[in-house]
Amino acid sequence: MDLAYPAARVAIEYESDLHRTDPATFRKDLTRGEHLKDVDWWLVRATADDVGRGVDRFVQRVRRLLQAGLSAPHDHRFATLR
């Protein structure tokens, strides 16, 4: 995970071309992301488009998730895995 907001349970993972072309990196990141979701975190996966020409939309999305995560419970389907 590249950036985390633990109080809101939001994690951001930047997906570079290495994630797409290196099988070991891809598998490691995929597993880590699934583990985060299992313990009720939201995982935001970002690409160069998100931090380039789409940055405004990306920032709005992250802000929305942070506000929601700080003010209300997340999806608790997996709460027993904690």
PDB file of N, CA and C in Angstrom:
ATOM      1  N   MET A   1       0.855  -1.160   0.000  1.00  0.00           N
ATOM      2  CA  MET A   1       0.000   0.000   0.000  1.00  0.00           C
ATOM      3  C   MET A   1       0.904   1.226   0.000  1.00  0.00           C
ATOM      4  N   ASP A   2       0.520   2.183  -0.789  1.00  0.00           N
ATOM      5  CA  ASP A   2       1.353   3.368  -0.938  1.00  0.00           C
ATOM      6  C   ASP A   2       0.949   4.517  -0.017  1.00  0.00           C
ATOM      7  N   LEU A   3      -0.326   4.574   0.339  1.00  0.00           N
ATOM      8  CA  LEU A   3      -0.815   5.633   1.208  1.00  0.00           C
ATOM      9  C   LEU A   3      -2.003   5.086   1.978  1.00  0.00           C
ATOM     10  N   ALA A   4      -2.061   5.384   3.271  1.00  0.00           N
ATOM     11  CA  ALA A   4      -3.162   4.867   4.087  1.00  0.00           C
ATOM     12  C   ALA A   4      -3.699   5.939   5.013  1.00  0.00           C
ATOM     13  N   TYR A   5      -4.997   5.872   5.215  1.00  0.00           N
ATOM     14  CA  TYR A   5      -5.706   6.710   6.182  1.00  0.00           C
ATOM     15  C   TYR A   5      -6.392   5.759   7.164  1.00  0.00           C
ATOM     16  N   PRO A   6      -5.670   5.291   8.176  1.00  0.00           N
ATOM     17  CA  PRO A   6      -6.218   4.260   9.069  1.00  0.00           C
ATOM     18  C   PRO A   6      -7.510   4.652   9.763  1.00  0.00           C
ATOM     19  N   ALA A   7      -7.653   5.896  10.168  1.00  0.00           N
ATOM     20  CA  ALA A   7      -8.869   6.305  10.881  1.00  0.00           C
ATOM     21  C   ALA A   7     -10.116   6.122  10.011  1.00  0.00           C
ATOM     22  N   ALA A   8      -9.969   6.278   8.699  1.00  0.00           N
ATOM     23  CA  ALA A   8     -11.096   6.112   7.771  1.00  0.00           C
ATOM     24  C   ALA A   8     -11.079   4.744   7.098  1.00  0.00           C
ATOM     25  N   ARG A   9     -10.034   3.977   7.333  1.00  0.00           N
ATOM     26  CA  ARG A   9      -9.839   2.663   6.718  1.00  0.00           C
ATOM     27  C   ARG A   9      -9.868   2.752   5.187  1.00  0.00           C
ATOM     28  N   VAL A  10      -9.064   3.691   4.674  1.00  0.00           N
ATOM     29  CA  VAL A  10      -8.921   3.888   3.233  1.00  0.00           C
ATOM     30  C   VAL A  10      -7.442   3.720   2.878  1.00  0.00           C
ATOM     31  N   ALA A  11      -7.169   2.888   1.905  1.00  0.00           N
ATOM     32  CA  ALA A  11      -5.803   2.677   1.426  1.00  0.00           C
ATOM     33  C   ALA A  11      -5.743   2.998  -0.058  1.00  0.00           C
ATOM     34  N   ILE A  12      -4.616   3.578  -0.478  1.00  0.00           N
ATOM     35  CA  ILE A  12      -4.412   3.906  -1.886  1.00  0.00           C
ATOM     36  C   ILE A  12      -3.188   3.146  -2.375  1.00  0.00           C
ATOM     37  N   GLU A  13      -3.368   2.463  -3.480  1.00  0.00           N
ATOM     38  CA  GLU A  13      -2.290   1.689  -4.099  1.00  0.00           C
ATOM     39  C   GLU A  13      -2.068   2.234  -5.503  1.00  0.00           C
ATOM     40  N   TYR A  14      -0.847   2.689  -5.781  1.00  0.00           N
ATOM     41  CA  TYR A  14      -0.518   3.175  -7.116  1.00  0.00           C
ATOM     42  C   TYR A  14      -0.071   2.000  -7.973  1.00  0.00           C
ATOM     43  N   GLU A  15      -0.735   1.814  -9.084  1.00  0.00           N
ATOM     44  CA  GLU A  15      -0.445   0.701  -9.993  1.00  0.00           C
ATOM     45  C   GLU A  15       0.398   1.198 -11.159  1.00  0.00           C
ATOM     46  N   SER A  16       1.689   1.032 -11.067  1.00  0.00           N
ATOM     47  CA  SER A  16       2.577   1.424 -12.166  1.00  0.00           C
ATOM     48  C   SER A  16       2.640   0.297 -13.189  1.00  0.00           C
ATOM     49  N   ASP A  17       3.373   0.504 -14.254  1.00  0.00           N
ATOM     50  CA  ASP A  17       3.531  -0.552 -15.258  1.00  0.00           C
ATOM     51  C   ASP A  17       4.218  -1.777 -14.668  1.00  0.00           C
ATOM     52  N   LEU A  18       5.034  -1.603 -13.642  1.00  0.00           N
ATOM     53  CA  LEU A  18       5.684  -2.746 -12.995  1.00  0.00           C
ATOM     54  C   LEU A  18       4.637  -3.713 -12.453  1.00  0.00           C
ATOM     55  N   HIS A  19       3.555  -3.190 -11.918  1.00  0.00           N
ATOM     56  CA  HIS A  19       2.504  -4.045 -11.371  1.00  0.00           C
ATOM     57  C   HIS A  19       1.856  -4.893 -12.463  1.00  0.00           C
ATOM     58  N   ARG A  20       1.855  -4.369 -13.666  1.00  0.00           N
ATOM     59  CA  ARG A  20       1.237  -5.070 -14.788  1.00  0.00           C
ATOM     60  C   ARG A  20       2.194  -6.064 -15.436  1.00  0.00           C
ATOM     61  N   THR A  21       3.485  -5.770 -15.395  1.00  0.00           N
ATOM     62  CA  THR A  21       4.440  -6.589 -16.142  1.00  0.00           C
ATOM     63  C   THR A  21       5.235  -7.569 -15.287  1.00  0.00           C
ATOM     64  N   ASP A  22       5.262  -7.376 -13.972  1.00  0.00           N
ATOM     65  CA  ASP A  22       6.014  -8.283 -13.099  1.00  0.00           C
ATOM     66  C   ASP A  22       5.039  -9.178 -12.337  1.00  0.00           C
ATOM     67  N   PRO A  23       4.988 -10.469 -12.665  1.00  0.00           N
ATOM     68  CA  PRO A  23       4.009 -11.354 -12.037  1.00  0.00           C
ATOM     69  C   PRO A  23       4.102 -11.410 -10.506  1.00  0.00           C
ATOM     70  N   ALA A  24       5.312 -11.397  -9.962  1.00  0.00           N
ATOM     71  CA  ALA A  24       5.458 -11.476  -8.505  1.00  0.00           C
ATOM     72  C   ALA A  24       4.895 -10.228  -7.827  1.00  0.00           C
ATOM     73  N   THR A  25       5.173  -9.061  -8.380  1.00  0.00           N
ATOM     74  CA  THR A  25       4.645  -7.810  -7.830  1.00  0.00           C
ATOM     75  C   THR A  25       3.134  -7.797  -7.945  1.00  0.00           C
ATOM     76  N   PHE A  26       2.616  -8.227  -9.073  1.00  0.00           N
ATOM     77  CA  PHE A  26       1.171  -8.271  -9.277  1.00  0.00           C
ATOM     78  C   PHE A  26       0.496  -9.150  -8.222  1.00  0.00           C
ATOM     79  N   ARG A  27       1.019 -10.356  -8.014  1.00  0.00           N
ATOM     80  CA  ARG A  27       0.418 -11.289  -7.043  1.00  0.00           C
ATOM     81  C   ARG A  27       0.505 -10.753  -5.624  1.00  0.00           C
ATOM     82  N   LYS A  28       1.652 -10.190  -5.256  1.00  0.00           N
ATOM     83  CA  LYS A  28       1.831  -9.654  -3.904  1.00  0.00           C
ATOM     84  C   LYS A  28       0.843  -8.519  -3.637  1.00  0.00           C
ATOM     85  N   ASP A  29       0.721  -7.604  -4.565  1.00  0.00           N
ATOM     86  CA  ASP A  29      -0.185  -6.470  -4.387  1.00  0.00           C
ATOM     87  C   ASP A  29      -1.644  -6.905  -4.378  1.00  0.00           C
ATOM     88  N   LEU A  30      -1.975  -7.859  -5.218  1.00  0.00           N
ATOM     89  CA  LEU A  30      -3.345  -8.359  -5.252  1.00  0.00           C
ATOM     90  C   LEU A  30      -3.714  -9.002  -3.912  1.00  0.00           C
ATOM     91  N   THR A  31      -2.837  -9.821  -3.374  1.00  0.00           N
ATOM     92  CA  THR A  31      -3.092 -10.464  -2.089  1.00  0.00           C
ATOM     93  C   THR A  31      -3.213  -9.443  -0.971  1.00  0.00           C
ATOM     94  N   ARG A  32      -2.320  -8.473  -0.931  1.00  0.00           N
ATOM     95  CA  ARG A  32      -2.376  -7.435   0.106  1.00  0.00           C
ATOM     96  C   ARG A  32      -3.686  -6.660   0.013  1.00  0.00           C
ATOM     97  N   GLY A  33      -4.106  -6.319  -1.191  1.00  0.00           N
ATOM     98  CA  GLY A  33      -5.361  -5.601  -1.374  1.00  0.00           C
ATOM     99  C   GLY A  33      -6.558  -6.404  -0.909  1.00  0.00           C
ATOM    100  N   GLU A  34      -6.565  -7.682  -1.196  1.00  0.00           N
ATOM    101  CA  GLU A  34      -7.672  -8.525  -0.750  1.00  0.00           C
ATOM    102  C   GLU A  34      -7.703  -8.634   0.772  1.00  0.00           C
ATOM    103  N   HIS A  35      -6.541  -8.709   1.401  1.00  0.00           N
ATOM    104  CA  HIS A  35      -6.489  -8.757   2.871  1.00  0.00           C
ATOM    105  C   HIS A  35      -7.038  -7.469   3.476  1.00  0.00           C
ATOM    106  N   LEU A  36      -6.729  -6.337   2.877  1.00  0.00           N
ATOM    107  CA  LEU A  36      -7.269  -5.070   3.370  1.00  0.00           C
ATOM    108  C   LEU A  36      -8.791  -5.063   3.285  1.00  0.00           C
ATOM    109  N   LYS A  37      -9.318  -5.510   2.166  1.00  0.00           N
ATOM    110  CA  LYS A  37     -10.768  -5.535   2.014  1.00  0.00           C
ATOM    111  C   LYS A  37     -11.416  -6.504   3.007  1.00  0.00           C
ATOM    112  N   ASP A  38     -10.731  -7.586   3.306  1.00  0.00           N
ATOM    113  CA  ASP A  38     -11.255  -8.562   4.271  1.00  0.00           C
ATOM    114  C   ASP A  38     -11.432  -7.979   5.664  1.00  0.00           C
ATOM    115  N   VAL A  39     -10.649  -6.960   5.996  1.00  0.00           N
ATOM    116  CA  VAL A  39     -10.770  -6.338   7.319  1.00  0.00           C
ATOM    117  C   VAL A  39     -11.424  -4.962   7.217  1.00  0.00           C
ATOM    118  N   ASP A  40     -12.296  -4.835   6.209  1.00  0.00           N
ATOM    119  CA  ASP A  40     -13.202  -3.686   6.108  1.00  0.00           C
ATOM    120  C   ASP A  40     -12.522  -2.373   5.732  1.00  0.00           C
ATOM    121  N   TRP A  41     -11.476  -2.436   4.910  1.00  0.00           N
ATOM    122  CA  TRP A  41     -10.857  -1.225   4.371  1.00  0.00           C
ATOM    123  C   TRP A  41     -11.353  -1.045   2.946  1.00  0.00           C
ATOM    124  N   TRP A  42     -11.394   0.210   2.498  1.00  0.00           N
ATOM    125  CA  TRP A  42     -11.614   0.498   1.092  1.00  0.00           C
ATOM    126  C   TRP A  42     -10.253   0.634   0.437  1.00  0.00           C
ATOM    127  N   LEU A  43     -10.067  -0.045  -0.668  1.00  0.00           N
ATOM    128  CA  LEU A  43      -8.815   0.015  -1.412  1.00  0.00           C
ATOM    129  C   LEU A  43      -9.052   0.775  -2.708  1.00  0.00           C
ATOM    130  N   VAL A  44      -8.323   1.861  -2.870  1.00  0.00           N
ATOM    131  CA  VAL A  44      -8.397   2.682  -4.084  1.00  0.00           C
ATOM    132  C   VAL A  44      -7.152   2.379  -4.892  1.00  0.00           C
ATOM    133  N   ARG A  45      -7.345   1.869  -6.083  1.00  0.00           N
ATOM    134  CA  ARG A  45      -6.222   1.570  -6.963  1.00  0.00           C
ATOM    135  C   ARG A  45      -6.112   2.705  -7.979  1.00  0.00           C
ATOM    136  N   ALA A  46      -4.933   3.301  -8.069  1.00  0.00           N
ATOM    137  CA  ALA A  46      -4.722   4.462  -8.939  1.00  0.00           C
ATOM    138  C   ALA A  46      -3.697   4.142 -10.021  1.00  0.00           C
ATOM    139  N   THR A  47      -3.889   4.759 -11.176  1.00  0.00           N
ATOM    140  CA  THR A  47      -2.935   4.642 -12.280  1.00  0.00           C
ATOM    141  C   THR A  47      -2.424   6.036 -12.634  1.00  0.00           C
ATOM    142  N   ALA A  48      -1.559   6.090 -13.608  1.00  0.00           N
ATOM    143  CA  ALA A  48      -1.010   7.375 -14.051  1.00  0.00           C
ATOM    144  C   ALA A  48      -2.118   8.325 -14.500  1.00  0.00           C
ATOM    145  N   ASP A  49      -3.179   7.793 -15.086  1.00  0.00           N
ATOM    146  CA  ASP A  49      -4.293   8.652 -15.496  1.00  0.00           C
ATOM    147  C   ASP A  49      -4.957   9.320 -14.294  1.00  0.00           C
ATOM    148  N   ASP A  50      -5.039   8.616 -13.178  1.00  0.00           N
ATOM    149  CA  ASP A  50      -5.670   9.169 -11.979  1.00  0.00           C
ATOM    150  C   ASP A  50      -4.871  10.303 -11.358  1.00  0.00           C
ATOM    151  N   VAL A  51      -3.573  10.237 -11.461  1.00  0.00           N
ATOM    152  CA  VAL A  51      -2.744  11.284 -10.860  1.00  0.00           C
ATOM    153  C   VAL A  51      -2.238  12.274 -11.910  1.00  0.00           C
ATOM    154  N   GLY A  52      -2.688  12.092 -13.131  1.00  0.00           N
ATOM    155  CA  GLY A  52      -2.355  13.017 -14.216  1.00  0.00           C
ATOM    156  C   GLY A  52      -3.584  13.824 -14.582  1.00  0.00           C
ATOM    157  N   ARG A  53      -4.086  13.566 -15.773  1.00  0.00           N
ATOM    158  CA  ARG A  53      -5.210  14.366 -16.268  1.00  0.00           C
ATOM    159  C   ARG A  53      -6.512  14.128 -15.506  1.00  0.00           C
ATOM    160  N   GLY A  54      -6.641  13.022 -14.772  1.00  0.00           N
ATOM    161  CA  GLY A  54      -7.857  12.740 -14.013  1.00  0.00           C
ATOM    162  C   GLY A  54      -7.735  13.033 -12.530  1.00  0.00           C
ATOM    163  N   VAL A  55      -6.755  13.835 -12.150  1.00  0.00           N
ATOM    164  CA  VAL A  55      -6.463  14.027 -10.729  1.00  0.00           C
ATOM    165  C   VAL A  55      -7.621  14.668  -9.970  1.00  0.00           C
ATOM    166  N   ASP A  56      -8.340  15.597 -10.569  1.00  0.00           N
ATOM    167  CA  ASP A  56      -9.450  16.241  -9.855  1.00  0.00           C
ATOM    168  C   ASP A  56     -10.528  15.231  -9.477  1.00  0.00           C
ATOM    169  N   ARG A  57     -10.888  14.390 -10.416  1.00  0.00           N
ATOM    170  CA  ARG A  57     -11.889  13.352 -10.150  1.00  0.00           C
ATOM    171  C   ARG A  57     -11.379  12.368  -9.092  1.00  0.00           C
ATOM    172  N   PHE A  58     -10.102  12.014  -9.190  1.00  0.00           N
ATOM    173  CA  PHE A  58      -9.504  11.087  -8.227  1.00  0.00           C
ATOM    174  C   PHE A  58      -9.520  11.687  -6.813  1.00  0.00           C
ATOM    175  N   VAL A  59      -9.141  12.939  -6.691  1.00  0.00           N
ATOM    176  CA  VAL A  59      -9.127  13.601  -5.377  1.00  0.00           C
ATOM    177  C   VAL A  59     -10.537  13.666  -4.804  1.00  0.00           C
ATOM    178  N   GLN A  60     -11.514  13.963  -5.627  1.00  0.00           N
ATOM    179  CA  GLN A  60     -12.907  13.989  -5.157  1.00  0.00           C
ATOM    180  C   GLN A  60     -13.337  12.621  -4.640  1.00  0.00           C
ATOM    181  N   ARG A  61     -12.956  11.582  -5.355  1.00  0.00           N
ATOM    182  CA  ARG A  61     -13.304  10.219  -4.919  1.00  0.00           C
ATOM    183  C   ARG A  61     -12.686   9.898  -3.567  1.00  0.00           C
ATOM    184  N   VAL A  62     -11.401  10.186  -3.415  1.00  0.00           N
ATOM    185  CA  VAL A  62     -10.724   9.902  -2.151  1.00  0.00           C
ATOM    186  C   VAL A  62     -11.342  10.722  -1.022  1.00  0.00           C
ATOM    187  N   ARG A  63     -11.631  11.971  -1.268  1.00  0.00           N
ATOM    188  CA  ARG A  63     -12.272  12.801  -0.234  1.00  0.00           C
ATOM    189  C   ARG A  63     -13.611  12.224   0.199  1.00  0.00           C
ATOM    190  N   ARG A  64     -14.411  11.781  -0.779  1.00  0.00           N
ATOM    191  CA  ARG A  64     -15.706  11.175  -0.475  1.00  0.00           C
ATOM    192  C   ARG A  64     -15.539   9.941   0.407  1.00  0.00           C
ATOM    193  N   LEU A  65     -14.579   9.100   0.070  1.00  0.00           N
ATOM    194  CA  LEU A  65     -14.344   7.890   0.861  1.00  0.00           C
ATOM    195  C   LEU A  65     -13.849   8.233   2.262  1.00  0.00           C
ATOM    196  N   LEU A  66     -12.968   9.229   2.359  1.00  0.00           N
ATOM    197  CA  LEU A  66     -12.471   9.625   3.678  1.00  0.00           C
ATOM    198  C   LEU A  66     -13.597  10.159   4.545  1.00  0.00           C
ATOM    199  N   GLN A  67     -14.441  10.997   3.985  1.00  0.00           N
ATOM    200  CA  GLN A  67     -15.568  11.537   4.755  1.00  0.00           C
ATOM    201  C   GLN A  67     -16.505  10.420   5.195  1.00  0.00           C
ATOM    202  N   ALA A  68     -16.814   9.502   4.287  1.00  0.00           N
ATOM    203  CA  ALA A  68     -17.705   8.394   4.623  1.00  0.00           C
ATOM    204  C   ALA A  68     -17.058   7.477   5.660  1.00  0.00           C
ATOM    205  N   GLY A  69     -15.789   7.202   5.497  1.00  0.00           N
ATOM    206  CA  GLY A  69     -15.100   6.309   6.418  1.00  0.00           C
ATOM    207  C   GLY A  69     -14.974   6.864   7.814  1.00  0.00           C
ATOM    208  N   LEU A  70     -14.878   8.177   7.931  1.00  0.00           N
ATOM    209  CA  LEU A  70     -14.765   8.802   9.244  1.00  0.00           C
ATOM    210  C   LEU A  70     -16.118   8.993   9.918  1.00  0.00           C
ATOM    211  N   SER A  71     -17.199   8.960   9.145  1.00  0.00           N
ATOM    212  CA  SER A  71     -18.502   9.269   9.730  1.00  0.00           C
ATOM    213  C   SER A  71     -19.451   8.088   9.857  1.00  0.00           C
ATOM    214  N   ALA A  72     -19.155   6.981   9.212  1.00  0.00           N
ATOM    215  CA  ALA A  72     -20.091   5.854   9.244  1.00  0.00           C
ATOM    216  C   ALA A  72     -19.333   4.539   9.112  1.00  0.00           C
ATOM    217  N   PRO A  73     -19.960   3.464   9.545  1.00  0.00           N
ATOM    218  CA  PRO A  73     -19.317   2.155   9.391  1.00  0.00           C
ATOM    219  C   PRO A  73     -19.201   1.760   7.920  1.00  0.00           C
ATOM    220  N   HIS A  74     -18.221   0.961   7.636  1.00  0.00           N
ATOM    221  CA  HIS A  74     -18.038   0.402   6.299  1.00  0.00           C
ATOM    222  C   HIS A  74     -18.948  -0.810   6.149  1.00  0.00           C
ATOM    223  N   ASP A  75     -18.778  -1.494   5.085  1.00  0.00           N
ATOM    224  CA  ASP A  75     -19.472  -2.747   4.827  1.00  0.00           C
ATOM    225  C   ASP A  75     -18.962  -3.789   5.826  1.00  0.00           C
ATOM    226  N   HIS A  76     -19.830  -4.401   6.574  1.00  0.00           N
ATOM    227  CA  HIS A  76     -19.404  -5.320   7.626  1.00  0.00           C
ATOM    228  C   HIS A  76     -19.646  -6.785   7.289  1.00  0.00           C
ATOM    229  N   ARG A  77     -19.685  -7.108   6.016  1.00  0.00           N
ATOM    230  CA  ARG A  77     -19.866  -8.515   5.647  1.00  0.00           C
ATOM    231  C   ARG A  77     -18.749  -9.389   6.185  1.00  0.00           C
ATOM    232  N   PHE A  78     -17.543  -8.817   6.355  1.00  0.00           N
ATOM    233  CA  PHE A  78     -16.395  -9.613   6.768  1.00  0.00           C
ATOM    234  C   PHE A  78     -15.940  -9.277   8.180  1.00  0.00           C
ATOM    235  N   ALA A  79     -16.797  -8.696   8.975  1.00  0.00           N
ATOM    236  CA  ALA A  79     -16.407  -8.252  10.311  1.00  0.00           C
ATOM    237  C   ALA A  79     -15.920  -9.401  11.179  1.00  0.00           C
ATOM    238  N   THR A  80     -16.335 -10.599  10.909  1.00  0.00           N
ATOM    239  CA  THR A  80     -15.901 -11.738  11.734  1.00  0.00           C
ATOM    240  C   THR A  80     -14.456 -12.121  11.483  1.00  0.00           C
ATOM    241  N   LEU A  81     -13.838 -11.601  10.443  1.00  0.00           N
ATOM    242  CA  LEU A  81     -12.445 -11.932  10.135  1.00  0.00           C
ATOM    243  C   LEU A  81     -11.454 -11.102  10.937  1.00  0.00           C
ATOM    244  N   ARG A  82     -11.929 -10.156  11.692  1.00  0.00           N
ATOM    245  CA  ARG A  82     -11.031  -9.281  12.457  1.00  0.00           C
ATOM    246  C   ARG A  82     -10.389 -10.007  13.587  1.00  0.00           C
TER     247      ARG A  82
END
